[in-house]
Amino acid sequence: MNRTSQPKRPTIYDLAELAGTSASAVSAVLNGNWKKRRISAKLAEKITKLAEEQGYALNMQASALRRDRSRIIGMIVPKYDNRYFGSIVEQFEALARERGLFPIVTCTRRDPALELEAARAMLSYQVDCLIATGATDPDRVMDLCSAAGVRTINLDLPGSRAPSVISDNYGGALELTRRVLANCEKEYGEKTPLLFVGGRGSDHNTVERVRGFRNAHAQAGIAVDERLMLTCGYAPEKAENAMNQLAERTSNLPRGMFVNSTISLEGVMHWIRRSGHYADGMPQLGCFDWDPFVAMLGDHIEMMRQDVPKMLEAVFSIIDSGVTDPTVVQIPPIVENIG
């Protein structure tokens, strides 16, 4: 009978050899005591990364040996350049300091590799908890942090292995679409399908918003035109390019639009101004995002503002309660009619 031998599990001595350091230094990093040993942050990050790559099982050891809390709490965010994520960062820092915690925040640009790099760096600084905001792969971030005995909470986009706090994307999109459809009927005297533009078709939030968009059309007895479903990404230039391509395919452009963020709205407005379309009057707009400066456009627009204060209250409630189950808390967004 042939026996299949199990692969040898790496030890701290193996990690020490790979890192070019001592076993005691590796142990100090994995136990969260590297600062007391005056080990550099660069070496601590290197050891943490090697431990993950080599499949070193830290969970029980790290959770048992991390005796001293750092009072540091970390957050990764995908973007700084819109009001939604900027507001999350600002209020997160304020709420953390109110609780005697020191917040550190970094931007990951929706790059999965940068998310892991940022998480490793924060682990090297011995964060007590990491908030993964809008992470493209939240479960991988959670696995990395769990191996080091550190809690994670997902914000904005959900994961399957840690608690998540998100907006009610379906309910918000359903209501926003209803309003824009009603505005179009009132303004133009007919029921017509809307354009959907922006967002990544694979992410949870866009999937749920598309579902709300479709159901609102169905409830109004209007068929969705699949040619008008432009889940082209969030970047302004992607929205603008998608609008250009749509205009090349058809001259019968919709009189109403559902735009899936203010970032995408920037691209839509650039296209409208540069293309000369809608010269006879701006379309009815709905945006699943909020920025008060949009009121300066002077156009008919409905906005769905995500309730950042309540979302962060829910995050800190989870932290305070010690909940680790992968539950999902949905916070209803708020309609802002600024037309």
Foldseek 3Di string as FASTA:
>chain_A
DDDDDDDDQDDLCNLCVVLVHDSVCLLCLLQVNNVVVVDDLVSSLSSLVVCVVRVPQSQVVNQVRNPDAPLEEEEEAADCPDPQVVVLVVVLCVVSVVVVHHYDYDHQNQDQVSLQSVLSSVSSVVHQEYEYEPHPAVVVSQVSQSSSVHYYEYEQAADQFWAYEHAQLQVLLLVLLLVQQVVCCVVPVDGAQAAEAEAACPTPNNVSSVNSNCVSCVVVVYHHDPLRHHHQYQALCSLLVSVVVSCVVDVPHDLEYEYEEVRVVNNVVVNCVPVVPCVVHHGAYEYADDDVCVLVVVHFYKYWHADSVVSVVVVVVCVVVVDTHHHYHHHYTDIDGSD
